[in-house]
Amino acid sequence: MSHHRRTDGRTVHNELAAIGDPARAGDLSVVDRFKGARETTNIMRTLLCTAALGCLAHCLKLHGRGAAGVPD
């Protein structure tokens, strides 16, 4: 088994399934690779969602000013 991080999610999921019961597994390096890739994905998703929320708030603020006749 290679110790390089894989980019193919199905391969990592298949390796995780092959481990079976984690309490009986000997080599959990695939779990560490999975967690590393998952953490990076979650961080990027969080940052993008936060940026999208900021854009939405800005647009709603501009829309509210336009509807009230308040100049920018």
N, C-alpha and C. Protein backbone atom coordinates (compact mmCIF):
# COMPACT_ATOMS: atom_id res chain seq x y z
N MET A 1 0.85 -1.18 0.00
CA MET A 1 0.00 0.00 0.00
C MET A 1 0.89 1.23 0.00
N SER A 2 0.59 2.16 -0.89
CA SER A 2 1.37 3.38 -1.02
C SER A 2 1.03 4.35 0.11
N HIS A 3 2.02 5.13 0.52
CA HIS A 3 1.80 6.12 1.57
C HIS A 3 1.63 7.52 0.98
N HIS A 4 1.40 7.61 -0.31
CA HIS A 4 1.18 8.91 -0.96
C HIS A 4 -0.30 9.23 -0.92
N ARG A 5 -0.59 10.52 -0.77
CA ARG A 5 -1.97 10.96 -0.77
C ARG A 5 -2.57 10.76 -2.15
N ARG A 6 -3.75 10.20 -2.19
CA ARG A 6 -4.41 9.95 -3.47
C ARG A 6 -5.47 11.01 -3.71
N THR A 7 -5.65 11.35 -4.97
CA THR A 7 -6.66 12.35 -5.32
C THR A 7 -7.97 11.70 -5.71
N ASP A 8 -7.97 10.43 -6.01
CA ASP A 8 -9.19 9.73 -6.40
C ASP A 8 -9.96 9.35 -5.14
N GLY A 9 -11.08 10.02 -4.90
CA GLY A 9 -11.86 9.78 -3.69
C GLY A 9 -12.38 8.37 -3.59
N ARG A 10 -12.74 7.76 -4.72
CA ARG A 10 -13.27 6.39 -4.68
C ARG A 10 -12.21 5.41 -4.19
N THR A 11 -10.97 5.63 -4.59
CA THR A 11 -9.90 4.74 -4.15
C THR A 11 -9.73 4.81 -2.63
N VAL A 12 -9.73 6.02 -2.10
CA VAL A 12 -9.58 6.19 -0.66
C VAL A 12 -10.78 5.58 0.07
N HIS A 13 -11.97 5.79 -0.46
CA HIS A 13 -13.16 5.20 0.17
C HIS A 13 -13.10 3.67 0.13
N ASN A 14 -12.62 3.12 -0.96
CA ASN A 14 -12.47 1.66 -1.05
C ASN A 14 -11.46 1.16 -0.02
N GLU A 15 -10.37 1.90 0.15
CA GLU A 15 -9.37 1.51 1.15
C GLU A 15 -9.95 1.60 2.55
N LEU A 16 -10.74 2.63 2.81
CA LEU A 16 -11.37 2.75 4.12
C LEU A 16 -12.33 1.59 4.37
N ALA A 17 -13.08 1.21 3.36
CA ALA A 17 -14.00 0.08 3.50
C ALA A 17 -13.24 -1.22 3.73
N ALA A 18 -12.08 -1.34 3.10
CA ALA A 18 -11.29 -2.57 3.22
C ALA A 18 -10.71 -2.74 4.63
N ILE A 19 -10.54 -1.64 5.35
CA ILE A 19 -10.01 -1.72 6.71
C ILE A 19 -10.97 -2.50 7.60
N GLY A 20 -12.26 -2.26 7.40
CA GLY A 20 -13.26 -2.95 8.23
C GLY A 20 -13.38 -2.27 9.58
N ASP A 21 -13.41 -3.05 10.61
CA ASP A 21 -13.55 -2.54 11.97
C ASP A 21 -12.26 -1.83 12.39
N PRO A 22 -12.31 -0.53 12.67
CA PRO A 22 -11.10 0.20 13.05
C PRO A 22 -10.45 -0.33 14.33
N ALA A 23 -11.23 -0.93 15.21
CA ALA A 23 -10.67 -1.47 16.45
C ALA A 23 -9.75 -2.66 16.18
N ARG A 24 -9.97 -3.34 15.04
CA ARG A 24 -9.16 -4.50 14.71
C ARG A 24 -8.11 -4.21 13.64
N ALA A 25 -8.17 -3.02 13.06
CA ALA A 25 -7.25 -2.68 11.97
C ALA A 25 -5.85 -2.40 12.51
N GLY A 26 -4.85 -2.80 11.74
CA GLY A 26 -3.47 -2.56 12.15
C GLY A 26 -2.91 -1.27 11.56
N ASP A 27 -3.13 -1.05 10.27
CA ASP A 27 -2.56 0.11 9.58
C ASP A 27 -3.66 1.13 9.32
N LEU A 28 -3.62 2.24 10.03
CA LEU A 28 -4.64 3.27 9.86
C LEU A 28 -4.12 4.47 9.07
N SER A 29 -3.06 4.29 8.30
CA SER A 29 -2.51 5.41 7.53
C SER A 29 -3.50 5.92 6.49
N VAL A 30 -4.34 5.05 5.97
CA VAL A 30 -5.35 5.49 5.00
C VAL A 30 -6.35 6.44 5.66
N VAL A 31 -6.62 6.23 6.93
CA VAL A 31 -7.53 7.13 7.65
C VAL A 31 -6.90 8.51 7.77
N ASP A 32 -5.61 8.57 8.05
CA ASP A 32 -4.92 9.86 8.13
C ASP A 32 -4.94 10.59 6.79
N ARG A 33 -4.75 9.86 5.70
CA ARG A 33 -4.81 10.48 4.37
C ARG A 33 -6.21 11.01 4.08
N PHE A 34 -7.20 10.23 4.47
CA PHE A 34 -8.59 10.64 4.25
C PHE A 34 -8.91 11.90 5.04
N LYS A 35 -8.49 11.93 6.31
CA LYS A 35 -8.77 13.08 7.15
C LYS A 35 -8.08 14.34 6.62
N GLY A 36 -6.86 14.20 6.14
CA GLY A 36 -6.14 15.36 5.61
C GLY A 36 -6.85 15.96 4.42
N ALA A 37 -7.26 15.12 3.50
CA ALA A 37 -7.96 15.61 2.31
C ALA A 37 -9.32 16.19 2.69
N ARG A 38 -10.00 15.56 3.62
CA ARG A 38 -11.33 16.02 4.03
C ARG A 38 -11.24 17.37 4.75
N GLU A 39 -10.22 17.54 5.59
CA GLU A 39 -10.05 18.82 6.30
C GLU A 39 -9.82 19.96 5.32
N THR A 40 -8.97 19.74 4.33
CA THR A 40 -8.70 20.77 3.33
C THR A 40 -9.98 21.15 2.59
N THR A 41 -10.75 20.16 2.20
CA THR A 41 -12.01 20.40 1.50
C THR A 41 -12.98 21.18 2.38
N ASN A 42 -13.08 20.81 3.64
CA ASN A 42 -14.00 21.50 4.55
C ASN A 42 -13.59 22.95 4.79
N ILE A 43 -12.30 23.21 4.90
CA ILE A 43 -11.82 24.58 5.09
C ILE A 43 -12.15 25.43 3.87
N MET A 44 -11.89 24.90 2.68
CA MET A 44 -12.18 25.64 1.45
C MET A 44 -13.68 25.90 1.32
N ARG A 45 -14.50 24.92 1.63
CA ARG A 45 -15.95 25.09 1.54
C ARG A 45 -16.42 26.15 2.53
N THR A 46 -15.87 26.16 3.74
CA THR A 46 -16.24 27.15 4.74
C THR A 46 -15.87 28.55 4.28
N LEU A 47 -14.66 28.72 3.74
CA LEU A 47 -14.24 30.04 3.27
C LEU A 47 -15.11 30.53 2.12
N LEU A 48 -15.43 29.65 1.18
CA LEU A 48 -16.27 30.05 0.06
C LEU A 48 -17.70 30.39 0.50
N CYS A 49 -18.24 29.63 1.43
CA CYS A 49 -19.58 29.93 1.94
C CYS A 49 -19.60 31.25 2.70
N THR A 50 -18.56 31.54 3.46
CA THR A 50 -18.47 32.80 4.18
C THR A 50 -18.38 33.97 3.20
N ALA A 51 -17.58 33.82 2.14
CA ALA A 51 -17.48 34.87 1.12
C ALA A 51 -18.82 35.07 0.42
N ALA A 52 -19.53 33.99 0.11
CA ALA A 52 -20.83 34.10 -0.53
C ALA A 52 -21.83 34.80 0.37
N LEU A 53 -21.79 34.50 1.65
CA LEU A 53 -22.69 35.16 2.60
C LEU A 53 -22.39 36.66 2.67
N GLY A 54 -21.11 37.02 2.66
CA GLY A 54 -20.73 38.43 2.66
C GLY A 54 -21.22 39.14 1.41
N CYS A 55 -21.11 38.49 0.26
CA CYS A 55 -21.62 39.07 -0.99
C CYS A 55 -23.13 39.25 -0.93
N LEU A 56 -23.83 38.27 -0.41
CA LEU A 56 -25.27 38.36 -0.28
C LEU A 56 -25.67 39.52 0.64
N ALA A 57 -25.00 39.66 1.76
CA ALA A 57 -25.30 40.75 2.69
C ALA A 57 -25.06 42.10 2.02
N HIS A 58 -23.97 42.22 1.29
CA HIS A 58 -23.66 43.47 0.59
C HIS A 58 -24.74 43.79 -0.45
N CYS A 59 -25.16 42.79 -1.22
CA CYS A 59 -26.21 43.00 -2.23
C CYS A 59 -27.53 43.39 -1.58
N LEU A 60 -27.87 42.75 -0.47
CA LEU A 60 -29.11 43.09 0.22
C LEU A 60 -29.06 44.51 0.76
N LYS A 61 -27.91 44.92 1.25
CA LYS A 61 -27.75 46.29 1.74
C LYS A 61 -27.93 47.28 0.60
N LEU A 62 -27.32 47.02 -0.55
CA LEU A 62 -27.46 47.91 -1.70
C LEU A 62 -28.89 47.93 -2.20
N HIS A 63 -29.54 46.77 -2.22
CA HIS A 63 -30.93 46.68 -2.68
C HIS A 63 -31.84 47.48 -1.74
N GLY A 64 -31.61 47.37 -0.45
CA GLY A 64 -32.41 48.10 0.53
C GLY A 64 -32.24 49.60 0.39
N ARG A 65 -31.03 50.06 0.13
CA ARG A 65 -30.81 51.49 -0.06
C ARG A 65 -31.52 51.98 -1.31
N GLY A 66 -31.49 51.20 -2.36
CA GLY A 66 -32.15 51.60 -3.61
C GLY A 66 -33.66 51.67 -3.45
N ALA A 67 -34.23 50.74 -2.71
CA ALA A 67 -35.68 50.72 -2.52
C ALA A 67 -36.13 51.87 -1.64
N ALA A 68 -35.29 52.30 -0.71
CA ALA A 68 -35.65 53.39 0.20
C ALA A 68 -35.32 54.76 -0.39
N GLY A 69 -34.66 54.78 -1.53
CA GLY A 69 -34.28 56.05 -2.14
C GLY A 69 -33.09 56.71 -1.46
N VAL A 70 -32.32 55.96 -0.70
CA VAL A 70 -31.14 56.49 -0.02
C VAL A 70 -29.96 56.42 -0.95
N PRO A 71 -29.24 57.52 -1.16
CA PRO A 71 -28.07 57.45 -2.05
C PRO A 71 -26.92 56.64 -1.42
N ASP A 72 -26.07 56.04 -2.28
CA ASP A 72 -24.92 55.28 -1.79
C ASP A 72 -23.99 56.22 -1.16
